[in-house]
Structures are given as C-alpha cells and as structure tokens.
Amino acid sequence: MNCGEIFVADFENPNFHGKLIQEITHGQKCPRCSYDLSKSLQAYPGTFRTENGDVGHFVPERIPATESEIVEFYEILEGNVSG
C-alpha cells in the first residue's frame, strides 16, 4: 500500500503453512520504496495504491482467456523478495 508495487506469495509452499502474510514478510522491505512489507501489504485487487498515490478499490470482472494480460510482480519468499 505504500507505493503500489504488486507482490505474490505461493501459499502452497510448505514453509508458509499456518503462517500469516505478516509473519512471512517480517523484516522484508519493498524493493521499490523500501517500506516494511509486513506493515503495508493489502489484498489485491480489492485495495491498491495508484500511480498518483491515491488508494483505489475495485472488484475485477472475469476476463476471458483470449483477453489476458502479462504483468510482472515480485514473489515473496521466506525471508526474501525475488524480482
């Protein structure tokens, strides 16, 4: 929520079993803005930070497979963020 960067975590990873996202990201910083991830992550896409710094909200529509889009994001790893 600090800068709008998008992150993903693989909750099928056995190291994440039974942990909250705040526990997984404890001590990790956003590579873009250096803010503490455990204090700033929010569910996406319901709540997000826009390019101009505003907070946005929406519920996505289902996108047919023929209209997909590729977006790069960071993956949250245990004790680390990978780009």
C-alpha atoms as a PDB file:
ATOM      1  CA  MET A   1       0.000   0.000   0.000  1.00  0.00           C
ATOM      2  CA  ASN A   2       2.938   2.347   0.332  1.00  0.00           C
ATOM      3  CA  CYS A   3       3.941   2.541  -3.358  1.00  0.00           C
ATOM      4  CA  GLY A   4       1.562   0.264  -5.291  1.00  0.00           C
ATOM      5  CA  GLU A   5       4.074  -2.479  -6.160  1.00  0.00           C
ATOM      6  CA  ILE A   6       2.452  -5.903  -6.643  1.00  0.00           C
ATOM      7  CA  PHE A   7       3.679  -8.991  -4.760  1.00  0.00           C
ATOM      8  CA  VAL A   8       2.618 -12.645  -4.766  1.00  0.00           C
ATOM      9  CA  ALA A   9       3.170 -15.458  -2.265  1.00  0.00           C
ATOM     10  CA  ASP A  10       2.824 -19.168  -3.009  1.00  0.00           C
ATOM     11  CA  PHE A  11       0.761 -20.360  -0.059  1.00  0.00           C
ATOM     12  CA  GLU A  12       1.215 -23.966  -1.204  1.00  0.00           C
ATOM     13  CA  ASN A  13       4.861 -23.607  -0.157  1.00  0.00           C
ATOM     14  CA  PRO A  14       5.206 -25.899   2.909  1.00  0.00           C
ATOM     15  CA  ASN A  15       7.316 -23.237   4.671  1.00  0.00           C
ATOM     16  CA  PHE A  16       4.291 -20.916   4.698  1.00  0.00           C
ATOM     17  CA  HIS A  17       1.854 -23.466   6.194  1.00  0.00           C
ATOM     18  CA  GLY A  18      -0.105 -21.951   9.080  1.00  0.00           C
ATOM     19  CA  LYS A  19       1.608 -18.542   8.820  1.00  0.00           C
ATOM     20  CA  LEU A  20       0.037 -15.137   8.252  1.00  0.00           C
ATOM     21  CA  ILE A  21       1.449 -12.972   5.457  1.00  0.00           C
ATOM     22  CA  GLN A  22       2.767 -10.566   8.130  1.00  0.00           C
ATOM     23  CA  GLU A  23       4.826 -13.412   9.612  1.00  0.00           C
ATOM     24  CA  ILE A  24       6.182 -14.447   6.213  1.00  0.00           C
ATOM     25  CA  THR A  25       7.196 -10.889   5.306  1.00  0.00           C
ATOM     26  CA  HIS A  26       8.559  -9.884   8.733  1.00  0.00           C
ATOM     27  CA  GLY A  27      11.728  -7.862   8.190  1.00  0.00           C
ATOM     28  CA  GLN A  28      11.332  -7.718   4.380  1.00  0.00           C
ATOM     29  CA  LYS A  29      11.376  -4.396   2.543  1.00  0.00           C
ATOM     30  CA  CYS A  30       9.769  -3.421  -0.755  1.00  0.00           C
ATOM     31  CA  PRO A  31      12.480  -3.252  -3.458  1.00  0.00           C
ATOM     32  CA  ARG A  32      10.775  -0.181  -4.927  1.00  0.00           C
ATOM     33  CA  CYS A  33      10.143   2.036  -1.860  1.00  0.00           C
ATOM     34  CA  SER A  34      11.970   0.213   0.981  1.00  0.00           C
ATOM     35  CA  TYR A  35       8.827   0.182   3.163  1.00  0.00           C
ATOM     36  CA  ASP A  36       8.295  -2.727   5.590  1.00  0.00           C
ATOM     37  CA  LEU A  37       6.110  -5.295   3.762  1.00  0.00           C
ATOM     38  CA  SER A  38       4.672  -6.767   6.962  1.00  0.00           C
ATOM     39  CA  LYS A  39       3.092  -3.366   7.701  1.00  0.00           C
ATOM     40  CA  SER A  40       1.953  -2.370   4.223  1.00  0.00           C
ATOM     41  CA  LEU A  41       0.626  -5.379   2.284  1.00  0.00           C
ATOM     42  CA  GLN A  42      -3.089  -5.379   1.406  1.00  0.00           C
ATOM     43  CA  ALA A  43      -5.221  -7.830  -0.517  1.00  0.00           C
ATOM     44  CA  TYR A  44      -5.166  -7.172  -4.262  1.00  0.00           C
ATOM     45  CA  PRO A  45      -7.058  -6.269  -6.338  1.00  0.00           C
ATOM     46  CA  GLY A  46      -9.675  -5.074  -3.844  1.00  0.00           C
ATOM     47  CA  THR A  47      -7.442  -2.299  -2.495  1.00  0.00           C
ATOM     48  CA  PHE A  48      -4.421  -0.834  -4.247  1.00  0.00           C
ATOM     49  CA  ARG A  49      -2.220   2.282  -4.495  1.00  0.00           C
ATOM     50  CA  THR A  50      -2.475   4.166  -7.793  1.00  0.00           C
ATOM     51  CA  GLU A  51       0.418   5.811  -9.673  1.00  0.00           C
ATOM     52  CA  ASN A  52      -0.548   9.234  -8.293  1.00  0.00           C
ATOM     53  CA  GLY A  53      -0.602   7.940  -4.699  1.00  0.00           C
ATOM     54  CA  ASP A  54      -4.368   7.628  -4.234  1.00  0.00           C
ATOM     55  CA  VAL A  55      -5.916   4.467  -2.776  1.00  0.00           C
ATOM     56  CA  GLY A  56      -8.158   2.671  -5.271  1.00  0.00           C
ATOM     57  CA  HIS A  57     -10.780  -0.069  -4.823  1.00  0.00           C
ATOM     58  CA  PHE A  58     -12.479  -2.394  -7.286  1.00  0.00           C
ATOM     59  CA  VAL A  59     -13.824  -5.878  -7.888  1.00  0.00           C
ATOM     60  CA  PRO A  60     -12.357  -7.346 -11.085  1.00  0.00           C
ATOM     61  CA  GLU A  61     -14.543  -8.810 -13.791  1.00  0.00           C
ATOM     62  CA  ARG A  62     -13.774 -12.256 -15.163  1.00  0.00           C
ATOM     63  CA  ILE A  63     -11.507 -11.875 -18.158  1.00  0.00           C
ATOM     64  CA  PRO A  64     -11.919 -14.385 -20.999  1.00  0.00           C
ATOM     65  CA  ALA A  65      -8.698 -16.307 -21.727  1.00  0.00           C
ATOM     66  CA  THR A  66      -8.385 -14.510 -25.085  1.00  0.00           C
ATOM     67  CA  GLU A  67      -8.034 -11.158 -23.274  1.00  0.00           C
ATOM     68  CA  SER A  68      -5.329 -11.978 -20.732  1.00  0.00           C
ATOM     69  CA  GLU A  69      -2.501  -9.613 -19.832  1.00  0.00           C
ATOM     70  CA  ILE A  70       1.010 -10.345 -18.552  1.00  0.00           C
ATOM     71  CA  VAL A  71       2.135  -8.320 -15.544  1.00  0.00           C
ATOM     72  CA  GLU A  72       5.488  -8.607 -13.774  1.00  0.00           C
ATOM     73  CA  PHE A  73       5.499  -8.687  -9.984  1.00  0.00           C
ATOM     74  CA  TYR A  74       7.717  -9.636  -7.041  1.00  0.00           C
ATOM     75  CA  GLU A  75       7.425 -13.036  -5.358  1.00  0.00           C
ATOM     76  CA  ILE A  76       7.540 -13.165  -1.585  1.00  0.00           C
ATOM     77  CA  LEU A  77       9.874 -15.912  -0.450  1.00  0.00           C
ATOM     78  CA  GLU A  78      10.606 -16.874   3.123  1.00  0.00           C
ATOM     79  CA  GLY A  79      12.994 -14.197   4.396  1.00  0.00           C
ATOM     80  CA  ASN A  80      13.376 -12.682   0.920  1.00  0.00           C
ATOM     81  CA  VAL A  81      11.671 -10.931  -2.027  1.00  0.00           C
ATOM     82  CA  SER A  82      12.542 -12.058  -5.549  1.00  0.00           C
ATOM     83  CA  GLY A  83      12.020  -9.952  -8.699  1.00  0.00           C
END
